[in-house]
Protein backbone atom coordinates (compact mmCIF):
# COMPACT_ATOMS: atom_id res chain seq x y z
CA UNK A 1 0.00 0.00 0.00
CA UNK A 2 1.23 3.48 -0.88
CA UNK A 3 0.04 6.68 0.83
CA UNK A 4 -2.62 7.88 -1.60
CA UNK A 5 -3.16 11.32 -0.06
CA UNK A 6 0.60 11.96 0.00
CA UNK A 7 0.70 10.87 -3.66
CA UNK A 8 -2.03 13.37 -4.58
CA UNK A 9 -0.38 16.13 -2.58
CA UNK A 10 2.94 16.08 -4.41
CA UNK A 11 1.05 15.86 -7.67
CA UNK A 12 -0.96 18.99 -6.63
CA UNK A 13 -4.22 17.11 -7.13
CA UNK A 14 -6.09 18.00 -3.92
CA UNK A 15 -8.52 20.91 -3.68
CA UNK A 16 -10.61 19.80 -0.68
CA UNK A 17 -10.42 16.79 1.61
CA UNK A 18 -12.83 15.80 4.35
CA UNK A 19 -11.32 15.52 7.86
CA UNK A 20 -10.05 12.04 8.79
CA UNK A 21 -9.97 10.86 5.15
CA UNK A 22 -6.22 10.35 5.29
CA UNK A 23 -6.46 8.28 8.49
CA UNK A 24 -9.22 6.13 6.98
CA UNK A 25 -7.12 5.30 3.91
CA UNK A 26 -4.16 4.24 6.04
CA UNK A 27 -6.20 1.41 7.59
CA UNK A 28 -5.86 -0.77 4.48
CA UNK A 29 -7.43 -1.26 1.06
CA UNK A 30 -10.33 1.16 0.62
CA UNK A 31 -12.95 1.52 -2.11
CA UNK A 32 -13.68 4.86 -3.79
CA UNK A 33 -15.75 5.96 -6.74
CA UNK A 34 -15.91 8.68 -9.35
CA UNK A 35 -19.12 9.33 -11.26
CA UNK A 36 -19.28 10.08 -14.97
CA UNK A 37 -22.49 11.02 -16.72
CA UNK A 38 -22.54 9.44 -20.19
CA UNK A 39 -23.67 12.57 -22.02
CA UNK A 40 -21.56 11.74 -25.12
CA UNK A 41 -20.23 8.56 -26.73
CA UNK A 42 -16.66 9.49 -25.81
CA UNK A 43 -14.78 10.95 -22.90
CA UNK A 44 -12.80 14.12 -23.50
CA UNK A 45 -9.61 15.11 -21.74
CA UNK A 46 -11.58 17.17 -19.23
CA UNK A 47 -12.71 13.78 -17.84
CA UNK A 48 -9.13 12.58 -17.52
CA UNK A 49 -8.52 14.27 -14.17
CA UNK A 50 -11.19 12.14 -12.46
CA UNK A 51 -10.00 9.03 -14.28
CA UNK A 52 -6.38 9.68 -13.28
CA UNK A 53 -7.39 10.12 -9.62
CA UNK A 54 -8.85 6.60 -9.78
CA UNK A 55 -5.76 5.37 -11.65
CA UNK A 56 -3.48 6.75 -8.91
CA UNK A 57 -5.87 5.33 -6.29
CA UNK A 58 -5.59 1.83 -7.77
CA UNK A 59 -1.81 2.18 -8.16
CA UNK A 60 -1.65 2.86 -4.41
CA UNK A 61 -3.36 -0.48 -3.71
CA UNK A 62 -6.99 0.63 -3.36
CA UNK A 63 -10.09 -0.40 -5.29
CA UNK A 64 -11.63 2.04 -7.81
CA UNK A 65 -15.25 2.13 -8.93
CA UNK A 66 -16.56 4.09 -11.90
CA UNK A 67 -20.25 4.88 -11.80
CA UNK A 68 -21.65 5.65 -15.23
CA UNK A 69 -24.76 7.68 -14.64
CA UNK A 70 -27.41 5.80 -16.56
CA UNK A 71 -29.98 7.37 -14.19
CA UNK A 72 -28.36 10.70 -13.33
CA UNK A 73 -27.36 11.11 -16.97
CA UNK A 74 -31.07 11.29 -17.78
CA UNK A 75 -31.40 14.24 -15.40
CA UNK A 76 -28.29 16.36 -15.95
CA UNK A 77 -26.08 17.86 -13.26
CA UNK A 78 -26.86 21.57 -12.75
CA UNK A 79 -23.54 22.24 -11.00
CA UNK A 80 -22.23 25.56 -12.31
CA UNK A 81 -24.14 25.17 -15.59
CA UNK A 82 -25.90 28.27 -16.87
CA UNK A 83 -28.87 26.46 -18.36
CA UNK A 84 -30.82 23.22 -18.43
CA UNK A 85 -29.26 20.29 -20.27
CA UNK A 86 -30.92 18.51 -23.16
CA UNK A 87 -32.26 15.22 -21.75
CA UNK A 88 -30.97 12.06 -23.44
CA UNK A 89 -32.92 8.94 -24.34
CA UNK A 90 -32.17 5.61 -22.60
CA UNK A 91 -30.96 4.19 -25.93
CA UNK A 92 -28.47 7.03 -26.41
CA UNK A 93 -27.18 6.67 -22.85
CA UNK A 94 -26.71 2.91 -23.27
CA UNK A 95 -24.69 3.45 -26.45
CA UNK A 96 -22.58 6.14 -24.75
CA UNK A 97 -21.89 3.84 -21.79
CA UNK A 98 -20.58 1.05 -24.01
CA UNK A 99 -18.20 3.44 -25.79
CA UNK A 100 -16.93 4.97 -22.53
CA UNK A 101 -16.35 1.55 -20.97
CA UNK A 102 -13.83 0.68 -23.72
CA UNK A 103 -11.92 3.91 -23.05
CA UNK A 104 -11.80 3.36 -19.29
CA UNK A 105 -10.23 -0.07 -19.78
CA UNK A 106 -7.09 1.68 -21.03
CA UNK A 107 -6.56 3.35 -17.66
CA UNK A 108 -7.83 0.95 -15.01
CA UNK A 109 -7.14 -2.71 -14.29
CA UNK A 110 -10.39 -4.71 -14.47
CA UNK A 111 -8.76 -8.14 -14.10
CA UNK A 112 -10.87 -9.96 -11.49
CA UNK A 113 -7.83 -11.96 -10.38
CA UNK A 114 -6.46 -8.83 -8.68
CA UNK A 115 -7.89 -8.01 -5.25
CA UNK A 116 -8.32 -4.33 -6.06
CA UNK A 117 -9.70 -4.73 -9.59
CA UNK A 118 -11.81 -1.87 -10.90
CA UNK A 119 -15.54 -2.10 -11.51
CA UNK A 120 -17.80 -0.13 -13.82
CA UNK A 121 -21.31 0.26 -12.45
CA UNK A 122 -24.47 1.88 -13.76
CA UNK A 123 -26.63 3.76 -11.27
CA UNK A 124 -29.70 3.02 -13.38
CA UNK A 125 -29.43 -0.55 -12.04
CA UNK A 126 -30.29 0.56 -8.51
CA UNK A 127 -32.49 3.54 -9.38
CA UNK A 128 -34.84 1.89 -11.88
CA UNK A 129 -36.95 0.04 -9.31
CA UNK A 130 -37.65 3.05 -7.11
CA UNK A 131 -41.06 4.66 -7.48
CA UNK A 132 -41.15 8.42 -7.09
CA UNK A 133 -43.26 8.15 -3.94
CA UNK A 134 -40.98 5.56 -2.33
CA UNK A 135 -37.84 7.54 -3.15
CA UNK A 136 -39.03 10.82 -1.66
CA UNK A 137 -40.43 8.96 1.40
CA UNK A 138 -37.39 6.81 2.10
CA UNK A 139 -34.54 9.01 0.89
CA UNK A 140 -35.85 12.55 0.41
CA UNK A 141 -36.96 12.86 4.03
CA UNK A 142 -33.36 12.75 5.25
CA UNK A 143 -32.15 15.86 3.40
CA UNK A 144 -33.83 19.24 3.87
CA UNK A 145 -34.53 21.69 1.07
CA UNK A 146 -32.61 24.29 3.09
CA UNK A 147 -29.53 22.02 3.02
CA UNK A 148 -29.82 21.49 -0.74
CA UNK A 149 -30.36 25.17 -1.54
CA UNK A 150 -27.30 26.17 0.49
CA UNK A 151 -25.03 24.46 -2.05
CA UNK A 152 -23.14 26.91 -4.25
CA UNK A 153 -23.94 24.84 -7.34
CA UNK A 154 -27.66 25.33 -6.72
CA UNK A 155 -27.53 28.93 -5.46
CA UNK A 156 -26.02 30.13 -8.72
CA UNK A 157 -28.80 28.50 -10.72
CA UNK A 158 -31.61 29.82 -8.51
CA UNK A 159 -30.97 33.25 -10.02
CA UNK A 160 -31.51 32.04 -13.60
CA UNK A 161 -34.02 29.30 -12.82
CA UNK A 162 -33.63 25.61 -12.04
CA UNK A 163 -36.16 22.87 -12.67
CA UNK A 164 -37.15 20.38 -9.98
CA UNK A 165 -35.57 17.75 -12.24
CA UNK A 166 -32.11 19.28 -11.98
CA UNK A 167 -32.64 20.31 -8.35
CA UNK A 168 -33.13 16.63 -7.48
CA UNK A 169 -29.79 15.67 -9.05
CA UNK A 170 -27.76 16.04 -5.86
CA UNK A 171 -30.22 13.83 -3.97
CA UNK A 172 -29.84 11.12 -6.60
CA UNK A 173 -26.05 11.39 -6.51
CA UNK A 174 -26.19 11.32 -2.71
CA UNK A 175 -28.17 8.10 -2.90
CA UNK A 176 -25.53 6.62 -5.24
CA UNK A 177 -22.97 7.07 -2.47
CA UNK A 178 -25.30 5.56 0.13
CA UNK A 179 -25.98 2.54 -2.11
CA UNK A 180 -22.27 2.00 -2.85
CA UNK A 181 -21.42 2.39 0.84
CA UNK A 182 -23.89 -0.34 1.78
CA UNK A 183 -23.28 -2.72 -1.12
CA UNK A 184 -19.63 -2.24 -2.11
CA UNK A 185 -18.11 -0.95 1.14
CA UNK A 186 -17.31 2.27 -0.75
CA UNK A 187 -16.32 4.85 1.84
CA UNK A 188 -14.85 7.58 -0.40
CA UNK A 189 -16.15 9.65 -3.31
CA UNK A 190 -13.86 11.75 -5.46
CA UNK A 191 -14.38 14.30 -8.21
CA UNK A 192 -13.70 17.84 -9.38
CA UNK A 193 -14.05 20.74 -6.98
CA UNK A 194 -17.36 21.66 -8.62
CA UNK A 195 -18.73 18.35 -7.26
CA UNK A 196 -18.07 19.12 -3.57
CA UNK A 197 -21.73 20.01 -2.95
CA UNK A 198 -23.05 16.80 -4.52
CA UNK A 199 -20.43 14.65 -2.80
CA UNK A 200 -21.05 16.06 0.67
CA UNK A 201 -24.78 15.50 0.21
CA UNK A 202 -23.84 11.82 -0.08
CA UNK A 203 -21.70 11.85 3.07
CA UNK A 204 -24.50 13.62 4.94
CA UNK A 205 -27.08 11.09 3.73
CA UNK A 206 -24.87 8.22 4.90
CA UNK A 207 -24.45 9.89 8.28
CA UNK A 208 -28.21 10.45 8.72
CA UNK A 209 -29.38 7.06 7.42
CA UNK A 210 -26.62 4.76 8.70
CA UNK A 211 -24.98 6.89 11.40
CA UNK A 212 -21.60 6.15 9.79
CA UNK A 213 -18.80 8.27 8.36
CA UNK A 214 -17.98 8.58 4.69
CA UNK A 215 -15.26 10.64 3.09
CA UNK A 216 -14.57 12.98 0.18
CA UNK A 217 -11.68 14.31 -1.88
CA UNK A 218 -11.92 16.81 -4.69
CA UNK A 219 -9.25 17.92 -7.11
CA UNK A 220 -8.82 21.43 -8.52
CA UNK A 221 -10.60 22.27 -11.74
CA UNK A 222 -7.80 22.36 -14.29
CA UNK A 223 -7.16 25.54 -16.24
CA UNK A 224 -4.22 26.35 -18.48
CA UNK A 225 -1.65 28.96 -17.48
CA UNK A 226 -3.20 31.43 -19.96
CA UNK A 227 -6.50 31.15 -18.09
CA UNK A 228 -8.25 29.17 -20.82
CA UNK A 229 -10.28 26.08 -19.98
CA UNK A 230 -8.24 22.89 -20.03
CA UNK A 231 -9.08 20.49 -22.85
CA UNK A 232 -10.80 23.12 -24.96
CA UNK A 233 -9.44 24.48 -28.21
CA UNK A 234 -10.89 26.93 -30.70
CA UNK A 235 -12.46 23.93 -32.42
CA UNK A 236 -13.95 22.43 -29.24
CA UNK A 237 -13.11 19.52 -26.97
CA UNK A 238 -10.10 17.22 -27.32
CA UNK A 239 -11.78 13.79 -27.34
CA UNK A 240 -10.38 10.35 -26.59
CA UNK A 241 -12.27 8.91 -29.58
CA UNK A 242 -9.99 8.95 -32.64
CA UNK A 243 -12.95 9.70 -34.92
CA UNK A 244 -13.67 12.93 -33.03
CA UNK A 245 -10.02 13.93 -32.42
CA UNK A 246 -7.28 12.30 -34.49
CA UNK A 247 -4.31 10.80 -32.61
CA UNK A 248 -2.15 13.44 -34.35
CA UNK A 249 -4.29 16.32 -33.03
CA UNK A 250 -4.41 14.66 -29.61
CA UNK A 251 -0.61 14.37 -29.56
CA UNK A 252 -0.17 17.95 -30.75
CA UNK A 253 -2.37 19.29 -27.93
CA UNK A 254 0.05 17.97 -25.31
CA UNK A 255 3.16 18.77 -27.33
CA UNK A 256 2.16 22.45 -27.64
CA UNK A 257 1.60 23.06 -23.91
CA UNK A 258 3.56 25.82 -22.22
CA UNK A 259 6.48 24.80 -20.01
CA UNK A 260 4.44 25.71 -16.92
CA UNK A 261 1.46 23.60 -17.98
CA UNK A 262 3.65 20.66 -19.02
CA UNK A 263 5.26 20.66 -15.57
CA UNK A 264 1.83 20.64 -13.88
CA UNK A 265 0.14 18.16 -16.18
CA UNK A 266 2.90 15.54 -16.26
CA UNK A 267 2.24 15.08 -12.53
CA UNK A 268 -1.49 14.65 -13.03
CA UNK A 269 -1.79 12.68 -16.26
CA UNK A 270 1.07 10.18 -15.97
CA UNK A 271 2.13 7.60 -13.41
CA UNK A 272 5.74 8.75 -13.55
CA UNK A 273 7.39 8.93 -10.13
CA UNK A 274 8.43 12.15 -8.45
CA UNK A 275 12.07 11.29 -9.12
CA UNK A 276 11.42 10.66 -12.81
CA UNK A 277 9.56 13.95 -13.20
CA UNK A 278 12.21 15.96 -11.35
CA UNK A 279 14.87 14.47 -13.64
CA UNK A 280 12.82 15.36 -16.73
CA UNK A 281 12.37 18.91 -15.42
CA UNK A 282 16.13 19.18 -14.86
CA UNK A 283 16.84 18.03 -18.43
CA UNK A 284 14.16 20.39 -19.75
CA UNK A 285 15.66 23.38 -17.90
CA UNK A 286 19.06 22.74 -19.52
CA UNK A 287 17.58 23.24 -23.01
CA UNK A 288 13.90 24.29 -23.03
CA UNK A 289 13.89 24.40 -26.84
CA UNK A 290 13.99 20.59 -26.88
CA UNK A 291 10.59 20.52 -25.09
CA UNK A 292 11.56 17.41 -23.15
CA UNK A 293 8.66 17.71 -20.69
CA UNK A 294 6.07 18.18 -23.42
CA UNK A 295 7.43 15.26 -25.44
CA UNK A 296 7.47 12.92 -22.43
CA UNK A 297 3.91 13.85 -21.47
CA UNK A 298 2.61 13.68 -25.05
CA UNK A 299 4.15 10.24 -25.58
CA UNK A 300 2.85 8.79 -22.31
CA UNK A 301 -0.75 9.93 -22.72
CA UNK A 302 -0.97 9.31 -26.50
CA UNK A 303 0.28 5.72 -26.12
CA UNK A 304 -2.17 5.13 -23.26
CA UNK A 305 -5.23 6.57 -25.02
CA UNK A 306 -4.39 5.33 -28.52
CA UNK A 307 -1.34 3.10 -29.13
CA UNK A 308 2.41 3.13 -29.65
CA UNK A 309 1.79 2.86 -33.40
CA UNK A 310 -0.48 5.92 -33.33
CA UNK A 311 2.11 7.82 -31.31
CA UNK A 312 4.88 6.96 -33.80
CA UNK A 313 2.63 7.98 -36.70
CA UNK A 314 1.85 11.29 -34.97
CA UNK A 315 5.56 11.98 -34.47
CA UNK A 316 6.27 11.19 -38.13
CA UNK A 317 3.38 13.40 -39.24
CA UNK A 318 4.70 16.23 -37.05
CA UNK A 319 8.00 16.14 -38.94
CA UNK A 320 6.30 16.90 -42.25
CA UNK A 321 5.61 20.54 -41.46
CA UNK A 322 9.21 21.04 -40.37
CA UNK A 323 10.68 19.86 -43.64
CA UNK A 324 11.82 16.46 -42.42
CA UNK A 325 8.95 14.46 -43.87
CA UNK A 326 9.29 12.44 -47.06
CA UNK A 327 6.90 11.42 -49.81
CA UNK A 328 6.76 7.98 -48.23
CA UNK A 329 5.79 9.49 -44.85
CA UNK A 330 3.12 11.59 -46.53
CA UNK A 331 1.61 8.63 -48.34
CA UNK A 332 1.33 6.67 -45.09
CA UNK A 333 -0.97 9.29 -43.53
CA UNK A 334 -4.65 8.39 -43.38
CA UNK A 335 -7.08 11.04 -44.57
CA UNK A 336 -7.99 12.26 -41.07
CA UNK A 337 -4.35 12.72 -40.06
CA UNK A 338 -3.47 14.36 -43.38
CA UNK A 339 -6.23 16.94 -42.92
CA UNK A 340 -5.24 17.44 -39.28
CA UNK A 341 -1.61 18.11 -40.20
CA UNK A 342 -2.57 20.62 -42.87
CA UNK A 343 -5.49 22.18 -41.04
CA UNK A 344 -6.02 25.76 -42.23
CA UNK A 345 -3.99 25.33 -45.43
CA UNK A 346 -5.65 26.98 -48.51
CA UNK A 347 -7.67 24.46 -50.51
CA UNK A 348 -8.59 24.34 -54.18
CA UNK A 349 -10.80 21.93 -56.14
CA UNK A 350 -10.27 20.32 -59.54
CA UNK A 351 -11.84 17.54 -61.54
CA UNK A 352 -10.56 14.12 -60.51
CA UNK A 353 -11.02 12.81 -64.05
CA UNK A 354 -8.78 15.59 -65.42
CA UNK A 355 -6.12 14.93 -62.79
CA UNK A 356 -6.05 11.24 -63.65
CA UNK A 357 -5.89 11.91 -67.40
CA UNK A 358 -3.04 14.38 -66.84
CA UNK A 359 -2.68 18.11 -66.20
CA UNK A 360 0.59 19.96 -66.71
CA UNK A 361 1.88 21.56 -63.49
CA UNK A 362 1.73 25.09 -64.94
CA UNK A 363 -1.90 24.69 -65.98
CA UNK A 364 -2.75 23.00 -62.67
CA UNK A 365 -1.41 25.78 -60.46
CA UNK A 366 -2.35 28.82 -62.55
CA UNK A 367 -5.45 27.86 -64.59
CA UNK A 368 -7.25 24.88 -63.03
CA UNK A 369 -6.63 26.33 -59.56
CA UNK A 370 -5.34 29.68 -58.35
CA UNK A 371 -2.59 28.24 -56.18
CA UNK A 372 -0.32 30.80 -57.86
CA UNK A 373 -1.49 33.95 -59.60
CA UNK A 374 -0.10 33.37 -63.08
CA UNK A 375 1.78 30.99 -65.32
CA UNK A 376 4.76 33.33 -65.12
CA UNK A 377 4.79 33.01 -61.32
CA UNK A 378 4.67 29.20 -61.64
CA UNK A 379 7.58 29.24 -64.12
CA UNK A 380 9.65 31.48 -61.86
CA UNK A 381 9.05 29.15 -58.90
CA UNK A 382 10.01 26.15 -61.01
CA UNK A 383 13.18 27.92 -62.16
CA UNK A 384 14.05 28.65 -58.50
CA UNK A 385 13.43 24.96 -57.69
CA UNK A 386 11.01 26.01 -54.95
CA UNK A 387 7.97 23.92 -55.96
CA UNK A 388 7.18 20.45 -54.63
CA UNK A 389 4.25 18.12 -55.19
CA UNK A 390 3.64 15.60 -52.43
CA UNK A 391 7.09 16.43 -50.96
CA UNK A 392 8.95 15.78 -54.24
CA UNK A 393 10.67 18.56 -56.20
CA UNK A 394 9.23 18.97 -59.71
CA UNK A 395 10.04 20.71 -63.01
CA UNK A 396 8.05 22.01 -65.99
CA UNK A 397 7.52 18.53 -67.41
CA UNK A 398 5.49 17.34 -64.39
CA UNK A 399 2.08 15.92 -65.32
CA UNK A 400 -0.54 14.69 -62.87
CA UNK A 401 -1.88 11.13 -62.94
CA UNK A 402 -3.78 8.81 -60.61
CA UNK A 403 -0.63 8.26 -58.54
CA UNK A 404 -0.51 11.98 -57.80
CA UNK A 405 -3.46 11.62 -55.45
CA UNK A 406 -2.94 11.03 -51.74
CA UNK A 407 -5.73 8.93 -50.26
CA UNK A 408 -7.17 8.90 -53.79
CA UNK A 409 -8.21 12.54 -53.39
CA UNK A 410 -5.52 15.09 -52.44
CA UNK A 411 -2.44 16.73 -53.95
CA UNK A 412 -0.11 18.62 -51.61
CA UNK A 413 1.68 21.54 -53.21
CA UNK A 414 4.52 23.30 -51.42
CA UNK A 415 6.19 26.59 -52.42
CA UNK A 416 9.33 27.32 -50.48
CA UNK A 417 9.64 26.00 -46.94
CA UNK A 418 6.39 27.12 -45.35
CA UNK A 419 3.73 27.74 -48.00
CA UNK A 420 1.42 24.75 -48.42
CA UNK A 421 -1.67 24.30 -50.61
CA UNK A 422 -4.08 21.38 -50.92
CA UNK A 423 -5.74 20.50 -54.19
CA UNK A 424 -8.83 18.33 -53.80
CA UNK A 425 -9.74 16.15 -56.76
CA UNK A 426 -13.48 15.40 -56.92
């Protein structure tokens, strides 16, 4: 057994902790849970903090539970949300749960042969048989409206309006904790600092119903050093699902972190030891331009979420923009990665039939597209040997054919070192 609270402390992962929690965890293997509402068919990296808390918890010898909110997901958590959520159908939630389960298996050990193996539970399983009348008689009577309204997460919504549906969320989450306490000996709930109100409703319910103590730990809500929300980009969330966020884009997110953020996040999102991280920070400080911290973090998390092969492909793809990529590297990129690498590059469309039958490079760049402004400009570029097609230098005799197309659809034109253009053949 390792000291879990001490582990979280040096990783700067504790925001609030209930008194006596540390003493309770030192008694031996404990069981804790984190709840995730399956509001989408993939987790995004904003979820990773809660998942990593459970990962660290299991690594310290304790037993982690993940509660997928099949019931609470139908309600929607109002905590610090400005408006009511769109309610999901049971079919959608079931599909989302199955997708999320596969992602969680990359972080937690579910092997039943281990004494502290993880479990994924669905709170719909213990909520579905309650009638409304029975629930408010047996559970609702223990928590006053005054207590529920005193929570910051509710107070902020009272001003804009909150439905009874969302207001009841914390009571349902509180009952989750009570049920897990009684049936799985789960004495600890963990989550983000915005969940403190919901979590302590659970500890209070356990105290009032069972006259026993339960415990809580929350971690800070992660923001980047520039104040922007962690896991968000201009294009939205960074997802764990490769169809929503390519492994290349995922890798690039971590690689492009500031030094300050990389130092913080490598503690949270990897299982590297304190000694390993301090050594990486020392190496990084000697030559920050090498981005040693960012590369170590990006590799660790990309391999875990995707695979070593995806990581290697992302590294290769990254080289292309810096002039180190080859035609062979380019042709190995799948369409999603290709478009991710050249996101924002000017695009032009031509007829696929014409490309396959053959277009001279001067006509292609000046007439069929407006990659360059005139035939004279194309000739000058060719004379200067500054034009490449699909990473190969070309001359005036170059003609397109079916082999010119990457993924059967794209031609990459490069002028000089940094000017890229994509021609789409349709």
